[in-house]
PDB file of all heavy atoms in Angstrom:
ATOM      1  N   SER A   1       2.820  -0.107 -14.183  1.00  0.00           N
ATOM      2  CA  SER A   1       2.095  -1.309 -14.626  1.00  0.00           C
ATOM      3  C   SER A   1       1.479  -1.127 -16.001  1.00  0.00           C
ATOM      4  O   SER A   1       1.391  -2.070 -16.789  1.00  0.00           O
ATOM      5  CB  SER A   1       0.984  -1.667 -13.633  1.00  0.00           C
ATOM      6  OG  SER A   1       1.530  -2.050 -12.403  1.00  0.00           O
ATOM      7  N   ASP A   2       1.060   0.098 -16.302  1.00  0.00           N
ATOM      8  CA  ASP A   2       0.454   0.405 -17.599  1.00  0.00           C
ATOM      9  C   ASP A   2       1.493   0.679 -18.686  1.00  0.00           C
ATOM     10  O   ASP A   2       1.148   0.958 -19.830  1.00  0.00           O
ATOM     11  CB  ASP A   2      -0.487   1.615 -17.488  1.00  0.00           C
ATOM     12  CG  ASP A   2      -1.732   1.323 -16.670  1.00  0.00           C
ATOM     13  OD1 ASP A   2      -2.039   0.130 -16.431  1.00  0.00           O
ATOM     14  OD2 ASP A   2      -2.401   2.295 -16.255  1.00  0.00           O
ATOM     15  N   GLY A   3       2.778   0.668 -18.309  1.00  0.00           N
ATOM     16  CA  GLY A   3       3.842   0.895 -19.278  1.00  0.00           C
ATOM     17  C   GLY A   3       4.053   2.354 -19.643  1.00  0.00           C
ATOM     18  O   GLY A   3       4.705   2.664 -20.644  1.00  0.00           O
ATOM     19  N   LEU A   4       3.528   3.278 -18.826  1.00  0.00           N
ATOM     20  CA  LEU A   4       3.637   4.698 -19.143  1.00  0.00           C
ATOM     21  C   LEU A   4       4.888   5.336 -18.538  1.00  0.00           C
ATOM     22  O   LEU A   4       5.357   6.369 -19.012  1.00  0.00           O
ATOM     23  CB  LEU A   4       2.383   5.439 -18.687  1.00  0.00           C
ATOM     24  CG  LEU A   4       1.078   4.926 -19.315  1.00  0.00           C
ATOM     25  CD1 LEU A   4      -0.121   5.659 -18.737  1.00  0.00           C
ATOM     26  CD2 LEU A   4       1.123   5.050 -20.825  1.00  0.00           C
ATOM     27  N   ILE A   5       5.401   4.725 -17.474  1.00  0.00           N
ATOM     28  CA  ILE A   5       6.666   5.160 -16.886  1.00  0.00           C
ATOM     29  C   ILE A   5       7.500   3.922 -16.604  1.00  0.00           C
ATOM     30  O   ILE A   5       6.985   2.795 -16.595  1.00  0.00           O
ATOM     31  CB  ILE A   5       6.487   5.976 -15.582  1.00  0.00           C
ATOM     32  CG1 ILE A   5       5.877   5.113 -14.468  1.00  0.00           C
ATOM     33  CG2 ILE A   5       5.672   7.230 -15.826  1.00  0.00           C
ATOM     34  CD1 ILE A   5       5.885   5.791 -13.106  1.00  0.00           C
ATOM     35  N   GLU A   6       8.790   4.142 -16.360  1.00  0.00           N
ATOM     36  CA  GLU A   6       9.646   3.040 -15.943  1.00  0.00           C
ATOM     37  C   GLU A   6      10.529   3.516 -14.809  1.00  0.00           C
ATOM     38  O   GLU A   6      10.877   4.693 -14.728  1.00  0.00           O
ATOM     39  CB  GLU A   6      10.469   2.491 -17.094  1.00  0.00           C
ATOM     40  CG  GLU A   6      11.377   3.486 -17.766  1.00  0.00           C
ATOM     41  CD  GLU A   6      12.031   2.910 -19.020  1.00  0.00           C
ATOM     42  OE1 GLU A   6      11.706   1.791 -19.424  1.00  0.00           O
ATOM     43  OE2 GLU A   6      12.869   3.622 -19.589  1.00  0.00           O
ATOM     44  N   ALA A   7      10.843   2.591 -13.923  1.00  0.00           N
ATOM     45  CA  ALA A   7      11.684   2.892 -12.775  1.00  0.00           C
ATOM     46  C   ALA A   7      13.090   2.375 -13.038  1.00  0.00           C
ATOM     47  O   ALA A   7      13.266   1.308 -13.629  1.00  0.00           O
ATOM     48  CB  ALA A   7      11.110   2.237 -11.531  1.00  0.00           C
ATOM     49  N   THR A   8      14.064   3.145 -12.609  1.00  0.00           N
ATOM     50  CA  THR A   8      15.455   2.715 -12.673  1.00  0.00           C
ATOM     51  C   THR A   8      16.098   3.037 -11.334  1.00  0.00           C
ATOM     52  O   THR A   8      15.642   3.928 -10.610  1.00  0.00           O
ATOM     53  CB  THR A   8      16.237   3.441 -13.793  1.00  0.00           C
ATOM     54  OG1 THR A   8      16.152   4.846 -13.578  1.00  0.00           O
ATOM     55  CG2 THR A   8      15.690   3.111 -15.160  1.00  0.00           C
ATOM     56  N   GLU A   9      17.143   2.313 -11.020  1.00  0.00           N
ATOM     57  CA  GLU A   9      17.850   2.590  -9.781  1.00  0.00           C
ATOM     58  C   GLU A   9      19.139   3.326 -10.109  1.00  0.00           C
ATOM     59  O   GLU A   9      19.935   2.873 -10.931  1.00  0.00           O
ATOM     60  CB  GLU A   9      18.162   1.298  -9.035  1.00  0.00           C
ATOM     61  CG  GLU A   9      18.664   1.557  -7.643  1.00  0.00           C
ATOM     62  CD  GLU A   9      18.782   0.294  -6.819  1.00  0.00           C
ATOM     63  OE1 GLU A   9      17.903  -0.567  -6.936  1.00  0.00           O
ATOM     64  OE2 GLU A   9      19.780   0.205  -6.083  1.00  0.00           O
ATOM     65  N   VAL A  10      19.298   4.489  -9.482  1.00  0.00           N
ATOM     66  CA  VAL A  10      20.495   5.297  -9.676  1.00  0.00           C
ATOM     67  C   VAL A  10      21.087   5.571  -8.299  1.00  0.00           C
ATOM     68  O   VAL A  10      20.433   6.193  -7.463  1.00  0.00           O
ATOM     69  CB  VAL A  10      20.165   6.636 -10.397  1.00  0.00           C
ATOM     70  CG1 VAL A  10      21.393   7.497 -10.523  1.00  0.00           C
ATOM     71  CG2 VAL A  10      19.522   6.378 -11.747  1.00  0.00           C
ATOM     72  N   ALA A  11      22.286   5.082  -8.072  1.00  0.00           N
ATOM     73  CA  ALA A  11      22.974   5.274  -6.783  1.00  0.00           C
ATOM     74  C   ALA A  11      22.093   4.860  -5.608  1.00  0.00           C
ATOM     75  O   ALA A  11      21.991   5.562  -4.606  1.00  0.00           O
ATOM     76  CB  ALA A  11      23.442   6.721  -6.648  1.00  0.00           C
ATOM     77  N   GLY A  12      21.432   3.722  -5.754  1.00  0.00           N
ATOM     78  CA  GLY A  12      20.584   3.204  -4.683  1.00  0.00           C
ATOM     79  C   GLY A  12      19.253   3.907  -4.525  1.00  0.00           C
ATOM     80  O   GLY A  12      18.518   3.661  -3.577  1.00  0.00           O
ATOM     81  N   GLN A  13      18.927   4.792  -5.443  1.00  0.00           N
ATOM     82  CA  GLN A  13      17.673   5.551  -5.368  1.00  0.00           C
ATOM     83  C   GLN A  13      16.810   5.221  -6.575  1.00  0.00           C
ATOM     84  O   GLN A  13      17.301   5.196  -7.711  1.00  0.00           O
ATOM     85  CB  GLN A  13      17.993   7.044  -5.340  1.00  0.00           C
ATOM     86  CG  GLN A  13      16.795   7.933  -5.145  1.00  0.00           C
ATOM     87  CD  GLN A  13      17.211   9.389  -5.110  1.00  0.00           C
ATOM     88  OE1 GLN A  13      17.727   9.915  -6.099  1.00  0.00           O
ATOM     89  NE2 GLN A  13      16.985  10.038  -3.988  1.00  0.00           N
ATOM     90  N   CYS A  14      15.534   4.980  -6.325  1.00  0.00           N
ATOM     91  CA  CYS A  14      14.604   4.675  -7.415  1.00  0.00           C
ATOM     92  C   CYS A  14      14.187   5.977  -8.090  1.00  0.00           C
ATOM     93  O   CYS A  14      13.721   6.904  -7.443  1.00  0.00           O
ATOM     94  CB  CYS A  14      13.383   3.941  -6.863  1.00  0.00           C
ATOM     95  SG  CYS A  14      12.302   3.331  -8.157  1.00  0.00           S
ATOM     96  N   ARG A  15      14.382   6.026  -9.385  1.00  0.00           N
ATOM     97  CA  ARG A  15      13.997   7.199 -10.176  1.00  0.00           C
ATOM     98  C   ARG A  15      13.036   6.745 -11.269  1.00  0.00           C
ATOM     99  O   ARG A  15      13.124   5.627 -11.743  1.00  0.00           O
ATOM    100  CB  ARG A  15      15.228   7.868 -10.766  1.00  0.00           C
ATOM    101  CG  ARG A  15      16.189   8.352  -9.671  1.00  0.00           C
ATOM    102  CD  ARG A  15      17.440   8.936 -10.229  1.00  0.00           C
ATOM    103  NE  ARG A  15      17.250  10.189 -10.926  1.00  0.00           N
ATOM    104  CZ  ARG A  15      17.187  11.393 -10.360  1.00  0.00           C
ATOM    105  NH1 ARG A  15      17.288  11.498  -9.070  1.00  0.00           N
ATOM    106  NH2 ARG A  15      17.030  12.469 -11.086  1.00  0.00           N
ATOM    107  N   TYR A  16      12.149   7.631 -11.646  1.00  0.00           N
ATOM    108  CA  TYR A  16      11.110   7.316 -12.622  1.00  0.00           C
ATOM    109  C   TYR A  16      11.266   8.210 -13.840  1.00  0.00           C
ATOM    110  O   TYR A  16      11.669   9.364 -13.735  1.00  0.00           O
ATOM    111  CB  TYR A  16       9.727   7.532 -11.998  1.00  0.00           C
ATOM    112  CG  TYR A  16       9.501   6.683 -10.779  1.00  0.00           C
ATOM    113  CD1 TYR A  16       9.832   7.158  -9.512  1.00  0.00           C
ATOM    114  CD2 TYR A  16       9.000   5.399 -10.889  1.00  0.00           C
ATOM    115  CE1 TYR A  16       9.650   6.378  -8.385  1.00  0.00           C
ATOM    116  CE2 TYR A  16       8.806   4.607  -9.770  1.00  0.00           C
ATOM    117  CZ  TYR A  16       9.140   5.111  -8.520  1.00  0.00           C
ATOM    118  OH  TYR A  16       8.970   4.321  -7.411  1.00  0.00           O
ATOM    119  N   ARG A  17      10.900   7.666 -14.995  1.00  0.00           N
ATOM    120  CA  ARG A  17      10.910   8.459 -16.226  1.00  0.00           C
ATOM    121  C   ARG A  17       9.779   7.988 -17.132  1.00  0.00           C
ATOM    122  O   ARG A  17       9.323   6.847 -17.048  1.00  0.00           O
ATOM    123  CB  ARG A  17      12.250   8.367 -16.927  1.00  0.00           C
ATOM    124  CG  ARG A  17      12.566   6.997 -17.466  1.00  0.00           C
ATOM    125  CD  ARG A  17      13.880   7.033 -18.241  1.00  0.00           C
ATOM    126  NE  ARG A  17      14.292   5.666 -18.517  1.00  0.00           N
ATOM    127  CZ  ARG A  17      15.494   5.195 -18.290  1.00  0.00           C
ATOM    128  NH1 ARG A  17      16.423   5.967 -17.795  1.00  0.00           N
ATOM    129  NH2 ARG A  17      15.778   3.957 -18.577  1.00  0.00           N
ATOM    130  N   LEU A  18       9.350   8.884 -17.996  1.00  0.00           N
ATOM    131  CA  LEU A  18       8.307   8.557 -18.966  1.00  0.00           C
ATOM    132  C   LEU A  18       8.849   7.576 -19.998  1.00  0.00           C
ATOM    133  O   LEU A  18       9.997   7.682 -20.419  1.00  0.00           O
ATOM    134  CB  LEU A  18       7.854   9.814 -19.722  1.00  0.00           C
ATOM    135  CG  LEU A  18       6.928  10.776 -19.017  1.00  0.00           C
ATOM    136  CD1 LEU A  18       6.730  12.017 -19.882  1.00  0.00           C
ATOM    137  CD2 LEU A  18       5.607  10.140 -18.683  1.00  0.00           C
ATOM    138  N   THR A  19       8.010   6.663 -20.412  1.00  0.00           N
ATOM    139  CA  THR A  19       8.331   5.831 -21.569  1.00  0.00           C
ATOM    140  C   THR A  19       7.837   6.564 -22.813  1.00  0.00           C
ATOM    141  O   THR A  19       7.172   7.605 -22.714  1.00  0.00           O
ATOM    142  CB  THR A  19       7.623   4.462 -21.476  1.00  0.00           C
ATOM    143  OG1 THR A  19       6.207   4.694 -21.479  1.00  0.00           O
ATOM    144  CG2 THR A  19       8.031   3.688 -20.235  1.00  0.00           C
ATOM    145  N   HIS A  20       8.138   6.021 -23.965  1.00  0.00           N
ATOM    146  CA  HIS A  20       7.637   6.612 -25.214  1.00  0.00           C
ATOM    147  C   HIS A  20       6.105   6.634 -25.196  1.00  0.00           C
ATOM    148  O   HIS A  20       5.484   7.647 -25.544  1.00  0.00           O
ATOM    149  CB  HIS A  20       8.166   5.818 -26.404  1.00  0.00           C
ATOM    150  CG  HIS A  20       7.777   6.383 -27.725  1.00  0.00           C
ATOM    151  ND1 HIS A  20       8.285   7.575 -28.205  1.00  0.00           N
ATOM    152  CD2 HIS A  20       6.900   5.935 -28.657  1.00  0.00           C
ATOM    153  CE1 HIS A  20       7.728   7.840 -29.372  1.00  0.00           C
ATOM    154  NE2 HIS A  20       6.899   6.861 -29.680  1.00  0.00           N
ATOM    155  N   ALA A  21       5.506   5.534 -24.761  1.00  0.00           N
ATOM    156  CA  ALA A  21       4.036   5.465 -24.673  1.00  0.00           C
ATOM    157  C   ALA A  21       3.510   6.480 -23.666  1.00  0.00           C
ATOM    158  O   ALA A  21       2.465   7.104 -23.879  1.00  0.00           O
ATOM    159  CB  ALA A  21       3.590   4.055 -24.286  1.00  0.00           C
ATOM    160  N   GLY A  22       4.229   6.662 -22.567  1.00  0.00           N
ATOM    161  CA  GLY A  22       3.814   7.623 -21.552  1.00  0.00           C
ATOM    162  C   GLY A  22       3.848   9.050 -22.063  1.00  0.00           C
ATOM    163  O   GLY A  22       2.947   9.845 -21.784  1.00  0.00           O
ATOM    164  N   ALA A  23       4.880   9.380 -22.832  1.00  0.00           N
ATOM    165  CA  ALA A  23       4.976  10.728 -23.391  1.00  0.00           C
ATOM    166  C   ALA A  23       3.830  10.986 -24.375  1.00  0.00           C
ATOM    167  O   ALA A  23       3.234  12.065 -24.382  1.00  0.00           O
ATOM    168  CB  ALA A  23       6.325  10.912 -24.082  1.00  0.00           C
ATOM    169  N   GLY A  24       3.507   9.989 -25.174  1.00  0.00           N
ATOM    170  CA  GLY A  24       2.391  10.128 -26.118  1.00  0.00           C
ATOM    171  C   GLY A  24       1.058  10.289 -25.401  1.00  0.00           C
ATOM    172  O   GLY A  24       0.242  11.145 -25.761  1.00  0.00           O
ATOM    173  N   THR A  25       0.858   9.486 -24.363  1.00  0.00           N
ATOM    174  CA  THR A  25      -0.383   9.568 -23.583  1.00  0.00           C
ATOM    175  C   THR A  25      -0.487  10.921 -22.893  1.00  0.00           C
ATOM    176  O   THR A  25      -1.555  11.543 -22.881  1.00  0.00           O
ATOM    177  CB  THR A  25      -0.434   8.432 -22.540  1.00  0.00           C
ATOM    178  OG1 THR A  25      -0.427   7.184 -23.230  1.00  0.00           O
ATOM    179  CG2 THR A  25      -1.670   8.519 -21.669  1.00  0.00           C
ATOM    180  N   LEU A  26       0.611  11.406 -22.329  1.00  0.00           N
ATOM    181  CA  LEU A  26       0.615  12.714 -21.674  1.00  0.00           C
ATOM    182  C   LEU A  26       0.264  13.812 -22.664  1.00  0.00           C
ATOM    183  O   LEU A  26      -0.545  14.689 -22.376  1.00  0.00           O
ATOM    184  CB  LEU A  26       1.979  12.984 -21.028  1.00  0.00           C
ATOM    185  CG  LEU A  26       2.141  14.341 -20.354  1.00  0.00           C
ATOM    186  CD1 LEU A  26       1.122  14.522 -19.230  1.00  0.00           C
ATOM    187  CD2 LEU A  26       3.557  14.490 -19.840  1.00  0.00           C
ATOM    188  N   SER A  27       0.841  13.754 -23.828  1.00  0.00           N
ATOM    189  CA  SER A  27       0.568  14.761 -24.855  1.00  0.00           C
ATOM    190  C   SER A  27      -0.914  14.787 -25.227  1.00  0.00           C
ATOM    191  O   SER A  27      -1.526  15.857 -25.340  1.00  0.00           O
ATOM    192  CB  SER A  27       1.423  14.464 -26.084  1.00  0.00           C
ATOM    193  OG  SER A  27       1.225  15.438 -27.065  1.00  0.00           O
ATOM    194  N   ILE A  28      -1.500  13.619 -25.389  1.00  0.00           N
ATOM    195  CA  ILE A  28      -2.928  13.526 -25.721  1.00  0.00           C
ATOM    196  C   ILE A  28      -3.781  14.083 -24.591  1.00  0.00           C
ATOM    197  O   ILE A  28      -4.727  14.849 -24.821  1.00  0.00           O
ATOM    198  CB  ILE A  28      -3.313  12.067 -26.037  1.00  0.00           C
ATOM    199  CG1 ILE A  28      -2.687  11.642 -27.364  1.00  0.00           C
ATOM    200  CG2 ILE A  28      -4.827  11.883 -26.049  1.00  0.00           C
ATOM    201  CD1 ILE A  28      -2.741  10.143 -27.622  1.00  0.00           C
ATOM    202  N   ARG A  29      -3.457  13.731 -23.353  1.00  0.00           N
ATOM    203  CA  ARG A  29      -4.260  14.200 -22.213  1.00  0.00           C
ATOM    204  C   ARG A  29      -4.144  15.708 -22.021  1.00  0.00           C
ATOM    205  O   ARG A  29      -5.119  16.368 -21.674  1.00  0.00           O
ATOM    206  CB  ARG A  29      -3.874  13.439 -20.953  1.00  0.00           C
ATOM    207  CG  ARG A  29      -4.346  12.003 -21.030  1.00  0.00           C
ATOM    208  CD  ARG A  29      -4.128  11.253 -19.774  1.00  0.00           C
ATOM    209  NE  ARG A  29      -4.629   9.884 -19.926  1.00  0.00           N
ATOM    210  CZ  ARG A  29      -4.458   8.949 -19.038  1.00  0.00           C
ATOM    211  NH1 ARG A  29      -3.808   9.191 -17.922  1.00  0.00           N
ATOM    212  NH2 ARG A  29      -4.939   7.738 -19.244  1.00  0.00           N
ATOM    213  N   ILE A  30      -2.960  16.267 -22.240  1.00  0.00           N
ATOM    214  CA  ILE A  30      -2.795  17.717 -22.139  1.00  0.00           C
ATOM    215  C   ILE A  30      -3.637  18.415 -23.209  1.00  0.00           C
ATOM    216  O   ILE A  30      -4.291  19.422 -22.935  1.00  0.00           O
ATOM    217  CB  ILE A  30      -1.308  18.111 -22.247  1.00  0.00           C
ATOM    218  CG1 ILE A  30      -0.575  17.702 -20.973  1.00  0.00           C
ATOM    219  CG2 ILE A  30      -1.159  19.615 -22.513  1.00  0.00           C
ATOM    220  CD1 ILE A  30       0.924  17.851 -21.051  1.00  0.00           C
ATOM    221  N   ALA A  31      -3.644  17.877 -24.408  1.00  0.00           N
ATOM    222  CA  ALA A  31      -4.460  18.458 -25.484  1.00  0.00           C
ATOM    223  C   ALA A  31      -5.941  18.407 -25.121  1.00  0.00           C
ATOM    224  O   ALA A  31      -6.680  19.381 -25.348  1.00  0.00           O
ATOM    225  CB  ALA A  31      -4.205  17.722 -26.797  1.00  0.00           C
ATOM    226  N   MET A  32      -6.383  17.302 -24.531  1.00  0.00           N
ATOM    227  CA  MET A  32      -7.790  17.183 -24.124  1.00  0.00           C
ATOM    228  C   MET A  32      -8.118  18.191 -23.023  1.00  0.00           C
ATOM    229  O   MET A  32      -9.160  18.853 -23.069  1.00  0.00           O
ATOM    230  CB  MET A  32      -8.081  15.764 -23.637  1.00  0.00           C
ATOM    231  CG  MET A  32      -8.121  14.737 -24.750  1.00  0.00           C
ATOM    232  SD  MET A  32      -8.213  13.014 -24.171  1.00  0.00           S
ATOM    233  CE  MET A  32      -9.481  13.059 -22.949  1.00  0.00           C
ATOM    234  N   MET A  33      -7.237  18.317 -22.032  1.00  0.00           N
ATOM    235  CA  MET A  33      -7.480  19.268 -20.946  1.00  0.00           C
ATOM    236  C   MET A  33      -7.515  20.692 -21.473  1.00  0.00           C
ATOM    237  O   MET A  33      -8.348  21.498 -21.054  1.00  0.00           O
ATOM    238  CB  MET A  33      -6.414  19.127 -19.858  1.00  0.00           C
ATOM    239  CG  MET A  33      -6.585  17.887 -19.008  1.00  0.00           C
ATOM    240  SD  MET A  33      -5.436  17.847 -17.606  1.00  0.00           S
ATOM    241  CE  MET A  33      -3.924  17.351 -18.421  1.00  0.00           C
ATOM    242  N   SER A  34      -6.607  21.012 -22.396  1.00  0.00           N
ATOM    243  CA  SER A  34      -6.579  22.353 -22.988  1.00  0.00           C
ATOM    244  C   SER A  34      -7.890  22.658 -23.690  1.00  0.00           C
ATOM    245  O   SER A  34      -8.416  23.766 -23.597  1.00  0.00           O
ATOM    246  CB  SER A  34      -5.417  22.481 -23.975  1.00  0.00           C
ATOM    247  OG  SER A  34      -4.202  22.397 -23.309  1.00  0.00           O
ATOM    248  N   ARG A  35      -8.416  21.669 -24.382  1.00  0.00           N
ATOM    249  CA  ARG A  35      -9.690  21.848 -25.086  1.00  0.00           C
ATOM    250  C   ARG A  35     -10.810  22.148 -24.094  1.00  0.00           C
ATOM    251  O   ARG A  35     -11.610  23.058 -24.288  1.00  0.00           O
ATOM    252  CB  ARG A  35     -10.018  20.590 -25.890  1.00  0.00           C
ATOM    253  CG  ARG A  35     -11.296  20.681 -26.667  1.00  0.00           C
ATOM    254  CD  ARG A  35     -11.485  19.441 -27.559  1.00  0.00           C
ATOM    255  NE  ARG A  35     -12.830  19.398 -28.043  1.00  0.00           N
ATOM    256  CZ  ARG A  35     -13.801  18.662 -27.510  1.00  0.00           C
ATOM    257  NH1 ARG A  35     -13.555  17.869 -26.494  1.00  0.00           N
ATOM    258  NH2 ARG A  35     -15.017  18.687 -28.004  1.00  0.00           N
ATOM    259  N   PHE A  36     -10.859  21.399 -22.979  1.00  0.00           N
ATOM    260  CA  PHE A  36     -11.892  21.630 -21.970  1.00  0.00           C
ATOM    261  C   PHE A  36     -11.744  23.005 -21.329  1.00  0.00           C
ATOM    262  O   PHE A  36     -12.731  23.696 -21.085  1.00  0.00           O
ATOM    263  CB  PHE A  36     -11.870  20.545 -20.888  1.00  0.00           C
ATOM    264  CG  PHE A  36     -12.390  19.225 -21.366  1.00  0.00           C
ATOM    265  CD1 PHE A  36     -11.609  18.088 -21.259  1.00  0.00           C
ATOM    266  CD2 PHE A  36     -13.650  19.104 -21.927  1.00  0.00           C
ATOM    267  CE1 PHE A  36     -12.073  16.858 -21.696  1.00  0.00           C
ATOM    268  CE2 PHE A  36     -14.132  17.881 -22.380  1.00  0.00           C
ATOM    269  CZ  PHE A  36     -13.337  16.754 -22.264  1.00  0.00           C
ATOM    270  N   VAL A  37     -10.523  23.427 -21.071  1.00  0.00           N
ATOM    271  CA  VAL A  37     -10.280  24.751 -20.492  1.00  0.00           C
ATOM    272  C   VAL A  37     -10.743  25.829 -21.463  1.00  0.00           C
ATOM    273  O   VAL A  37     -11.421  26.784 -21.065  1.00  0.00           O
ATOM    274  CB  VAL A  37      -8.787  24.922 -20.121  1.00  0.00           C
ATOM    275  CG1 VAL A  37      -8.474  26.374 -19.793  1.00  0.00           C
ATOM    276  CG2 VAL A  37      -8.421  24.012 -18.960  1.00  0.00           C
TER     277      VAL A  37
END
């Protein structure tokens, strides 16, 4: 819903992948967590 991942159907199975926005958000959050650690 937030546009961070998208679902696709492959051989009748729902699969998820990061969107470009999701990859950027993940990168930022990992950097923040690393800083706190």
